[in-house]
Amino acid sequence: MSFTAELLISAALVVSGIFGFVGSYGLVKLKNTLQRLHAPTKATTLGVGGVLIASMIFFYIETGHISVHELLISLFLFLTAPITANFIAKAYLARNVRPKDLPSSDGEYGWSVYDDPPEAGSDR
């Protein structure tokens, strides 16, 4: 394996390790659920992404073929992390925030978790 390939793989692993460490540290040290939610969904996702990039580079250099497994894992990770974060944030709001504590919603849709269901025959 060439020095350039080893350097690229090493750099991807070091950067992903830093992102993983920062995300894990933030998960432990931040105060409330919404702050803790930010650390793993951003930093740790980038950390795992870096490891997958390093693996793709390694197997491409060794075999000459692009590994589809790492691409599928990356796709699944980048699609599910934001959705999971959204669900956890909504659960936090539903459990810990009362409707009287929310600012007024001037928009057409309001606060989806707290709005009364639309009446039958209404346009909403």
Protein backbone atom coordinates (compact mmCIF):
# COMPACT_ATOMS: atom_id res chain seq x y z
CA MET A 1 0.00 0.00 0.00
CA SER A 2 1.33 3.44 -0.87
CA PHE A 3 2.25 6.08 1.66
CA THR A 4 -0.45 8.41 0.30
CA ALA A 5 -3.18 5.81 0.86
CA GLU A 6 -1.96 5.12 4.37
CA LEU A 7 -1.86 8.85 5.08
CA LEU A 8 -5.45 9.32 3.83
CA ILE A 9 -6.71 6.38 5.87
CA SER A 10 -4.87 7.55 8.98
CA ALA A 11 -6.17 11.11 8.60
CA ALA A 12 -9.76 9.89 8.20
CA LEU A 13 -9.42 7.69 11.30
CA VAL A 14 -7.89 10.47 13.41
CA VAL A 15 -10.53 13.01 12.38
CA SER A 16 -13.32 10.51 12.99
CA GLY A 17 -11.84 9.67 16.40
CA ILE A 18 -11.84 13.36 17.33
CA PHE A 19 -15.46 13.76 16.23
CA GLY A 20 -16.44 10.62 18.11
CA PHE A 21 -14.70 11.81 21.26
CA VAL A 22 -16.29 15.27 21.11
CA GLY A 23 -19.73 13.74 20.55
CA SER A 24 -19.34 11.29 23.41
CA TYR A 25 -17.97 13.96 25.74
CA GLY A 26 -20.88 16.25 24.87
CA LEU A 27 -23.36 13.47 25.53
CA VAL A 28 -21.97 13.03 29.04
CA LYS A 29 -21.33 16.66 30.00
CA LEU A 30 -24.23 18.65 28.55
CA LYS A 31 -27.07 19.54 30.91
CA ASN A 32 -30.46 18.72 29.46
CA THR A 33 -31.91 16.36 26.89
CA LEU A 34 -32.04 18.79 24.00
CA GLN A 35 -28.40 19.79 24.47
CA ARG A 36 -27.36 16.15 24.81
CA LEU A 37 -29.26 15.32 21.67
CA HIS A 38 -27.12 17.69 19.61
CA ALA A 39 -23.78 16.06 20.43
CA PRO A 40 -24.36 12.50 19.19
CA THR A 41 -26.48 13.41 16.19
CA LYS A 42 -23.88 15.75 14.74
CA ALA A 43 -20.40 14.87 15.94
CA THR A 44 -20.73 11.14 16.39
CA THR A 45 -22.41 10.77 13.00
CA LEU A 46 -19.40 12.47 11.43
CA GLY A 47 -17.11 10.21 13.48
CA VAL A 48 -18.72 7.04 12.17
CA GLY A 49 -18.74 8.55 8.68
CA GLY A 50 -14.97 9.06 8.88
CA VAL A 51 -14.39 5.45 9.88
CA LEU A 52 -16.53 4.32 6.95
CA ILE A 53 -14.59 6.56 4.56
CA ALA A 54 -11.31 5.12 5.85
CA SER A 55 -12.68 1.60 5.35
CA MET A 56 -13.81 2.42 1.81
CA ILE A 57 -10.37 3.79 0.93
CA PHE A 58 -8.64 0.76 2.42
CA PHE A 59 -10.74 -1.81 0.58
CA TYR A 60 -10.56 0.13 -2.67
CA ILE A 61 -6.74 0.13 -2.45
CA GLU A 62 -6.60 -3.57 -1.50
CA THR A 63 -9.18 -5.00 -3.91
CA GLY A 64 -9.66 -2.32 -6.56
CA HIS A 65 -13.45 -2.37 -6.00
CA ILE A 66 -15.63 0.11 -4.17
CA SER A 67 -17.27 -1.53 -1.15
CA VAL A 68 -21.04 -1.20 -1.32
CA HIS A 69 -21.44 -2.19 2.35
CA GLU A 70 -19.89 1.01 3.63
CA LEU A 71 -21.94 3.10 1.23
CA LEU A 72 -25.15 1.47 2.46
CA ILE A 73 -24.17 1.92 6.11
CA SER A 74 -23.39 5.61 5.45
CA LEU A 75 -26.69 6.13 3.67
CA PHE A 76 -28.64 4.45 6.47
CA LEU A 77 -26.78 6.44 9.13
CA PHE A 78 -27.26 9.81 7.46
CA LEU A 79 -30.95 9.12 6.86
CA THR A 80 -31.85 7.80 10.31
CA ALA A 81 -29.86 10.11 12.62
CA PRO A 82 -31.90 13.29 11.90
CA ILE A 83 -35.19 11.41 12.04
CA THR A 84 -34.29 9.88 15.39
CA ALA A 85 -33.23 13.28 16.73
CA ASN A 86 -36.55 14.76 15.62
CA PHE A 87 -38.53 12.05 17.39
CA ILE A 88 -36.53 12.42 20.61
CA ALA A 89 -37.00 16.21 20.55
CA LYS A 90 -40.75 15.85 20.03
CA ALA A 91 -40.98 13.35 22.88
CA TYR A 92 -39.08 15.77 25.10
CA LEU A 93 -41.45 18.60 24.19
CA ALA A 94 -44.53 16.48 24.75
CA ARG A 95 -43.30 15.35 28.14
CA ASN A 96 -41.66 18.47 29.57
CA VAL A 97 -43.17 21.56 27.96
CA ARG A 98 -46.71 22.73 28.68
CA PRO A 99 -48.75 24.56 26.04
CA LYS A 100 -48.99 27.72 28.19
CA ASP A 101 -45.18 27.93 28.22
CA LEU A 102 -44.89 28.02 24.43
CA PRO A 103 -44.72 31.28 22.51
CA SER A 104 -47.74 32.09 20.41
CA SER A 105 -47.75 30.53 17.00
CA ASP A 106 -48.76 33.01 14.35
CA GLY A 107 -48.33 30.53 11.54
CA GLU A 108 -50.98 28.54 9.79
CA TYR A 109 -50.03 25.25 11.44
CA GLY A 110 -49.18 26.13 15.05
CA TRP A 111 -47.50 23.68 17.42
CA SER A 112 -48.25 20.25 15.97
CA VAL A 113 -47.82 18.40 19.26
CA TYR A 114 -50.22 20.65 21.19
CA ASP A 115 -52.84 21.74 18.69
CA ASP A 116 -56.35 20.47 19.07
CA PRO A 117 -57.30 18.12 16.27
CA PRO A 118 -59.13 19.91 13.44
CA GLU A 119 -62.89 19.69 13.47
CA ALA A 120 -64.63 17.64 10.84
CA GLY A 121 -65.29 19.64 7.69
CA SER A 122 -62.67 22.30 8.40
CA ASP A 123 -60.09 23.21 5.78
CA ARG A 124 -57.16 22.46 8.08
